[in-house]
Amino acid sequence: QVQLVESGGGVVQAGGSLRLSCAASGGTFTRHHMGWFRQAPGKEREVVSTISVFGGSTYYADSVKGRFTISRDNAKNTVYLQMNLLKTEDTAVYYCAADSLRATIPKAWDYWGQGTQVTVSS
């Protein structure tokens, strides 16, 4: 069983930056692809970015390409999401997830963190 704990959320002005972290425990980190998802009020959960087991392959939603960067440190069992040029529409609860596959569909992922709130003000 994998436990995931996100941190780094907060309130930031539009155009600003935040860095989210997700610490994993309870499993073998290098057996899992990692992903970041988000859910805004009244909307369905959506994929933001995913990264393969050893970081050689990444995926970004079109809405965040060029602004967000996903990375992982397997020695620290941690995955990161660097978010730059934030927009008000990035406001959401951001979730970290782990899975042996790397689908873009949220319900396909096995393990989830509790989420961290990101609020971008205008």
N, C-alpha and C. Protein backbone atom coordinates (compact mmCIF):
# COMPACT_ATOMS: atom_id res chain seq x y z
N GLN A 1 0.85 -1.20 0.00
CA GLN A 1 0.00 0.00 0.00
C GLN A 1 0.88 1.24 0.00
N VAL A 2 0.57 2.13 -0.91
CA VAL A 2 1.35 3.36 -1.05
C VAL A 2 0.60 4.51 -0.41
N GLN A 3 1.30 5.26 0.43
CA GLN A 3 0.73 6.48 1.00
C GLN A 3 1.39 7.69 0.34
N LEU A 4 0.56 8.68 0.03
CA LEU A 4 1.04 9.89 -0.65
C LEU A 4 0.61 11.11 0.15
N VAL A 5 1.55 12.03 0.35
CA VAL A 5 1.25 13.25 1.09
C VAL A 5 1.74 14.44 0.28
N GLU A 6 0.79 15.29 -0.11
CA GLU A 6 1.13 16.49 -0.88
C GLU A 6 1.41 17.66 0.06
N SER A 7 2.19 18.59 -0.44
CA SER A 7 2.45 19.83 0.27
C SER A 7 2.82 20.91 -0.75
N GLY A 8 2.79 22.14 -0.30
CA GLY A 8 3.23 23.24 -1.14
C GLY A 8 2.14 24.10 -1.73
N GLY A 9 0.88 23.73 -1.48
CA GLY A 9 -0.20 24.56 -1.98
C GLY A 9 -0.29 25.89 -1.24
N GLY A 10 -1.12 26.78 -1.74
CA GLY A 10 -1.29 28.06 -1.08
C GLY A 10 -1.99 29.04 -1.99
N VAL A 11 -1.90 30.30 -1.61
CA VAL A 11 -2.52 31.38 -2.37
C VAL A 11 -1.41 32.18 -3.05
N VAL A 12 -1.58 32.43 -4.32
CA VAL A 12 -0.57 33.17 -5.08
C VAL A 12 -1.29 34.06 -6.08
N GLN A 13 -0.67 35.16 -6.43
CA GLN A 13 -1.26 36.05 -7.43
C GLN A 13 -1.01 35.49 -8.83
N ALA A 14 -1.87 35.87 -9.73
CA ALA A 14 -1.70 35.47 -11.12
C ALA A 14 -0.32 35.91 -11.61
N GLY A 15 0.31 34.99 -12.34
CA GLY A 15 1.67 35.25 -12.82
C GLY A 15 2.75 34.73 -11.90
N GLY A 16 2.34 34.33 -10.71
CA GLY A 16 3.29 33.82 -9.74
C GLY A 16 3.60 32.34 -9.91
N SER A 17 4.34 31.82 -8.95
CA SER A 17 4.79 30.42 -9.02
C SER A 17 4.55 29.71 -7.69
N LEU A 18 4.37 28.41 -7.80
CA LEU A 18 4.31 27.53 -6.64
C LEU A 18 4.98 26.22 -7.01
N ARG A 19 5.51 25.55 -6.00
CA ARG A 19 6.08 24.23 -6.22
C ARG A 19 5.39 23.23 -5.29
N LEU A 20 4.73 22.28 -5.86
CA LEU A 20 4.08 21.23 -5.09
C LEU A 20 5.03 20.05 -4.93
N SER A 21 4.93 19.41 -3.77
CA SER A 21 5.70 18.19 -3.51
C SER A 21 4.76 17.08 -3.10
N CYS A 22 5.15 15.87 -3.39
CA CYS A 22 4.37 14.71 -2.98
C CYS A 22 5.35 13.64 -2.50
N ALA A 23 5.28 13.34 -1.21
CA ALA A 23 6.16 12.33 -0.62
C ALA A 23 5.43 11.00 -0.55
N ALA A 24 6.09 9.96 -1.03
CA ALA A 24 5.50 8.62 -1.05
C ALA A 24 6.15 7.74 0.00
N SER A 25 5.35 6.84 0.55
CA SER A 25 5.86 5.86 1.50
C SER A 25 5.02 4.59 1.42
N GLY A 26 5.54 3.53 1.99
CA GLY A 26 4.78 2.30 2.07
C GLY A 26 4.86 1.40 0.86
N GLY A 27 5.64 1.74 -0.10
CA GLY A 27 5.76 0.91 -1.28
C GLY A 27 7.09 1.15 -1.95
N THR A 28 7.29 0.51 -3.08
CA THR A 28 8.52 0.72 -3.84
C THR A 28 8.28 1.83 -4.85
N PHE A 29 8.86 2.98 -4.59
CA PHE A 29 8.58 4.17 -5.39
C PHE A 29 8.86 3.94 -6.87
N THR A 30 9.94 3.21 -7.14
CA THR A 30 10.34 3.02 -8.53
C THR A 30 9.52 1.95 -9.25
N ARG A 31 8.48 1.47 -8.63
CA ARG A 31 7.53 0.58 -9.32
C ARG A 31 6.31 1.34 -9.80
N HIS A 32 6.28 2.65 -9.52
CA HIS A 32 5.08 3.41 -9.83
C HIS A 32 5.37 4.63 -10.69
N HIS A 33 4.56 4.78 -11.72
CA HIS A 33 4.50 6.06 -12.39
C HIS A 33 3.79 7.03 -11.45
N MET A 34 4.04 8.31 -11.63
CA MET A 34 3.44 9.30 -10.76
C MET A 34 2.70 10.34 -11.59
N GLY A 35 1.69 10.92 -10.97
CA GLY A 35 0.91 11.91 -11.69
C GLY A 35 0.38 12.99 -10.79
N TRP A 36 0.10 14.13 -11.38
CA TRP A 36 -0.59 15.22 -10.70
C TRP A 36 -1.93 15.44 -11.41
N PHE A 37 -2.95 15.57 -10.61
CA PHE A 37 -4.30 15.82 -11.10
C PHE A 37 -4.85 17.02 -10.36
N ARG A 38 -5.93 17.59 -10.85
CA ARG A 38 -6.56 18.69 -10.14
C ARG A 38 -8.06 18.64 -10.32
N GLN A 39 -8.74 19.23 -9.34
CA GLN A 39 -10.20 19.30 -9.39
C GLN A 39 -10.64 20.65 -8.90
N ALA A 40 -11.28 21.38 -9.78
CA ALA A 40 -11.83 22.68 -9.44
C ALA A 40 -13.28 22.50 -8.98
N PRO A 41 -13.79 23.46 -8.22
CA PRO A 41 -15.19 23.34 -7.74
C PRO A 41 -16.17 23.15 -8.90
N GLY A 42 -17.01 22.15 -8.76
CA GLY A 42 -18.03 21.90 -9.78
C GLY A 42 -17.53 21.23 -11.03
N LYS A 43 -16.27 20.85 -11.05
CA LYS A 43 -15.69 20.22 -12.24
C LYS A 43 -15.16 18.83 -11.90
N GLU A 44 -14.96 18.04 -12.92
CA GLU A 44 -14.41 16.72 -12.71
C GLU A 44 -12.88 16.80 -12.53
N ARG A 45 -12.37 15.78 -11.88
CA ARG A 45 -10.92 15.70 -11.71
C ARG A 45 -10.27 15.49 -13.08
N GLU A 46 -9.17 16.19 -13.32
CA GLU A 46 -8.50 16.09 -14.60
C GLU A 46 -7.00 15.91 -14.42
N VAL A 47 -6.38 15.29 -15.41
CA VAL A 47 -4.95 15.11 -15.37
C VAL A 47 -4.24 16.43 -15.64
N VAL A 48 -3.17 16.67 -14.91
CA VAL A 48 -2.32 17.84 -15.14
C VAL A 48 -1.02 17.39 -15.81
N SER A 49 -0.39 16.39 -15.19
CA SER A 49 0.91 15.93 -15.69
C SER A 49 1.21 14.56 -15.12
N THR A 50 1.96 13.76 -15.89
CA THR A 50 2.42 12.47 -15.39
C THR A 50 3.88 12.28 -15.74
N ILE A 51 4.52 11.38 -15.00
CA ILE A 51 5.94 11.11 -15.23
C ILE A 51 6.19 9.62 -15.05
N SER A 52 7.03 9.07 -15.90
CA SER A 52 7.31 7.65 -15.86
C SER A 52 8.21 7.31 -14.68
N VAL A 53 8.39 6.02 -14.47
CA VAL A 53 9.08 5.53 -13.28
C VAL A 53 10.45 6.16 -13.06
N PHE A 54 11.24 6.27 -14.12
CA PHE A 54 12.58 6.84 -13.97
C PHE A 54 12.69 8.23 -14.58
N GLY A 55 11.53 8.83 -14.85
CA GLY A 55 11.51 10.22 -15.27
C GLY A 55 11.82 10.47 -16.73
N GLY A 56 11.95 9.41 -17.51
CA GLY A 56 12.34 9.60 -18.90
C GLY A 56 11.23 10.05 -19.81
N SER A 57 10.01 9.93 -19.34
CA SER A 57 8.86 10.31 -20.16
C SER A 57 7.89 11.12 -19.31
N THR A 58 7.42 12.22 -19.87
CA THR A 58 6.46 13.07 -19.17
C THR A 58 5.28 13.38 -20.09
N TYR A 59 4.19 13.73 -19.45
CA TYR A 59 2.99 14.15 -20.18
C TYR A 59 2.44 15.40 -19.51
N TYR A 60 1.95 16.34 -20.32
CA TYR A 60 1.33 17.55 -19.79
C TYR A 60 0.01 17.79 -20.50
N ALA A 61 -0.96 18.20 -19.73
CA ALA A 61 -2.20 18.66 -20.33
C ALA A 61 -1.91 19.93 -21.14
N ASP A 62 -2.65 20.12 -22.19
CA ASP A 62 -2.42 21.29 -23.05
C ASP A 62 -2.51 22.59 -22.26
N SER A 63 -3.37 22.62 -21.28
CA SER A 63 -3.61 23.85 -20.53
C SER A 63 -2.42 24.28 -19.68
N VAL A 64 -1.47 23.36 -19.44
CA VAL A 64 -0.33 23.70 -18.57
C VAL A 64 1.01 23.59 -19.29
N LYS A 65 1.01 23.15 -20.53
CA LYS A 65 2.26 23.01 -21.28
C LYS A 65 3.01 24.32 -21.33
N GLY A 66 4.31 24.26 -21.06
CA GLY A 66 5.13 25.45 -21.10
C GLY A 66 5.13 26.24 -19.81
N ARG A 67 4.23 25.89 -18.89
CA ARG A 67 4.16 26.61 -17.61
C ARG A 67 4.49 25.71 -16.42
N PHE A 68 4.11 24.45 -16.51
CA PHE A 68 4.32 23.51 -15.40
C PHE A 68 5.41 22.52 -15.78
N THR A 69 6.15 22.07 -14.77
CA THR A 69 7.18 21.05 -14.97
C THR A 69 7.08 20.00 -13.88
N ILE A 70 6.97 18.75 -14.29
CA ILE A 70 6.93 17.64 -13.35
C ILE A 70 8.32 17.02 -13.26
N SER A 71 8.69 16.59 -12.08
CA SER A 71 9.96 15.91 -11.89
C SER A 71 9.84 14.96 -10.70
N ARG A 72 10.77 14.05 -10.58
CA ARG A 72 10.77 13.13 -9.45
C ARG A 72 12.19 12.88 -8.99
N ASP A 73 12.32 12.65 -7.70
CA ASP A 73 13.59 12.30 -7.10
C ASP A 73 13.40 10.93 -6.46
N ASN A 74 13.85 9.90 -7.12
CA ASN A 74 13.62 8.55 -6.62
C ASN A 74 14.40 8.25 -5.35
N ALA A 75 15.47 8.96 -5.11
CA ALA A 75 16.22 8.77 -3.87
C ALA A 75 15.44 9.31 -2.68
N LYS A 76 14.55 10.28 -2.93
CA LYS A 76 13.76 10.88 -1.86
C LYS A 76 12.30 10.43 -1.89
N ASN A 77 11.97 9.54 -2.82
CA ASN A 77 10.58 9.07 -2.95
C ASN A 77 9.60 10.24 -3.08
N THR A 78 9.97 11.22 -3.88
CA THR A 78 9.20 12.44 -3.98
C THR A 78 9.01 12.85 -5.44
N VAL A 79 7.82 13.33 -5.73
CA VAL A 79 7.54 13.89 -7.05
C VAL A 79 7.15 15.37 -6.85
N TYR A 80 7.52 16.18 -7.82
CA TYR A 80 7.31 17.62 -7.72
C TYR A 80 6.50 18.13 -8.91
N LEU A 81 5.85 19.25 -8.69
CA LEU A 81 5.20 19.96 -9.78
C LEU A 81 5.54 21.44 -9.62
N GLN A 82 6.41 21.93 -10.48
CA GLN A 82 6.75 23.34 -10.51
C GLN A 82 5.75 24.06 -11.38
N MET A 83 5.05 25.02 -10.82
CA MET A 83 3.99 25.73 -11.54
C MET A 83 4.38 27.19 -11.67
N ASN A 84 4.58 27.64 -12.88
CA ASN A 84 4.95 29.02 -13.16
C ASN A 84 3.84 29.70 -13.96
N LEU A 85 3.89 31.01 -14.00
CA LEU A 85 2.90 31.80 -14.76
C LEU A 85 1.49 31.35 -14.45
N LEU A 86 1.20 31.23 -13.19
CA LEU A 86 -0.11 30.71 -12.78
C LEU A 86 -1.23 31.64 -13.20
N LYS A 87 -2.35 31.03 -13.54
CA LYS A 87 -3.54 31.74 -13.97
C LYS A 87 -4.67 31.46 -12.99
N THR A 88 -5.66 32.32 -12.98
CA THR A 88 -6.79 32.12 -12.07
C THR A 88 -7.47 30.78 -12.35
N GLU A 89 -7.46 30.35 -13.60
CA GLU A 89 -8.11 29.08 -13.93
C GLU A 89 -7.32 27.87 -13.46
N ASP A 90 -6.13 28.07 -12.91
CA ASP A 90 -5.37 26.97 -12.29
C ASP A 90 -5.84 26.69 -10.87
N THR A 91 -6.72 27.52 -10.34
CA THR A 91 -7.24 27.32 -8.99
C THR A 91 -7.97 25.99 -8.89
N ALA A 92 -7.53 25.16 -7.95
CA ALA A 92 -8.10 23.82 -7.79
C ALA A 92 -7.44 23.13 -6.60
N VAL A 93 -7.99 22.00 -6.23
CA VAL A 93 -7.28 21.09 -5.33
C VAL A 93 -6.41 20.20 -6.20
N TYR A 94 -5.14 20.14 -5.87
CA TYR A 94 -4.19 19.34 -6.64
C TYR A 94 -3.89 18.04 -5.89
N TYR A 95 -3.99 16.96 -6.63
CA TYR A 95 -3.78 15.63 -6.06
C TYR A 95 -2.59 14.95 -6.72
N CYS A 96 -1.86 14.23 -5.91
CA CYS A 96 -0.78 13.37 -6.37
C CYS A 96 -1.32 11.95 -6.46
N ALA A 97 -0.86 11.21 -7.45
CA ALA A 97 -1.33 9.84 -7.61
C ALA A 97 -0.19 8.95 -8.08
N ALA A 98 -0.33 7.66 -7.79
CA ALA A 98 0.67 6.67 -8.19
C ALA A 98 -0.03 5.47 -8.79
N ASP A 99 0.62 4.87 -9.77
CA ASP A 99 0.02 3.70 -10.40
C ASP A 99 1.09 2.95 -11.18
N SER A 100 0.83 1.68 -11.43
CA SER A 100 1.76 0.87 -12.20
C SER A 100 1.63 1.14 -13.71
N LEU A 101 0.51 1.72 -14.11
CA LEU A 101 0.34 2.15 -15.49
C LEU A 101 0.45 3.67 -15.50
N ARG A 102 0.19 4.31 -16.59
CA ARG A 102 0.31 5.78 -16.65
C ARG A 102 -0.79 6.31 -17.56
N ALA A 103 -2.02 6.04 -17.12
CA ALA A 103 -3.16 6.51 -17.90
C ALA A 103 -3.40 7.99 -17.65
N THR A 104 -4.17 8.62 -18.52
CA THR A 104 -4.55 10.01 -18.30
C THR A 104 -5.94 10.10 -17.67
N ILE A 105 -6.55 8.94 -17.44
CA ILE A 105 -7.87 8.91 -16.83
C ILE A 105 -7.71 8.76 -15.33
N PRO A 106 -8.21 9.70 -14.54
CA PRO A 106 -8.00 9.65 -13.09
C PRO A 106 -8.44 8.33 -12.44
N LYS A 107 -9.56 7.79 -12.85
CA LYS A 107 -10.07 6.60 -12.16
C LYS A 107 -9.20 5.37 -12.38
N ALA A 108 -8.26 5.45 -13.30
CA ALA A 108 -7.36 4.33 -13.55
C ALA A 108 -6.22 4.26 -12.53
N TRP A 109 -6.04 5.32 -11.76
CA TRP A 109 -4.91 5.37 -10.84
C TRP A 109 -5.29 4.77 -9.49
N ASP A 110 -4.35 3.99 -8.93
CA ASP A 110 -4.66 3.23 -7.72
C ASP A 110 -4.52 4.01 -6.43
N TYR A 111 -3.50 4.83 -6.32
CA TYR A 111 -3.19 5.46 -5.04
C TYR A 111 -3.26 6.98 -5.15
N TRP A 112 -3.83 7.60 -4.12
CA TRP A 112 -4.06 9.04 -4.14
C TRP A 112 -3.66 9.69 -2.82
N GLY A 113 -3.18 10.92 -2.92
CA GLY A 113 -2.97 11.73 -1.74
C GLY A 113 -4.26 12.43 -1.35
N GLN A 114 -4.19 13.23 -0.31
CA GLN A 114 -5.39 13.90 0.21
C GLN A 114 -5.67 15.21 -0.51
N GLY A 115 -4.69 15.69 -1.25
CA GLY A 115 -4.88 16.92 -2.01
C GLY A 115 -4.34 18.14 -1.29
N THR A 116 -3.97 19.14 -2.08
CA THR A 116 -3.53 20.41 -1.54
C THR A 116 -4.15 21.53 -2.36
N GLN A 117 -4.65 22.55 -1.68
CA GLN A 117 -5.38 23.62 -2.35
C GLN A 117 -4.41 24.63 -2.98
N VAL A 118 -4.66 24.95 -4.21
CA VAL A 118 -3.93 26.03 -4.91
C VAL A 118 -4.97 27.06 -5.32
N THR A 119 -4.76 28.29 -4.87
CA THR A 119 -5.66 29.39 -5.20
C THR A 119 -4.86 30.49 -5.87
N VAL A 120 -5.27 30.84 -7.07
CA VAL A 120 -4.59 31.90 -7.82
C VAL A 120 -5.53 33.09 -7.88
N SER A 121 -5.10 34.19 -7.32
CA SER A 121 -5.93 35.39 -7.29
C SER A 121 -5.56 36.35 -8.41
N SER A 122 -6.53 37.13 -8.82
CA SER A 122 -6.30 38.05 -9.94
C SER A 122 -5.76 39.38 -9.46
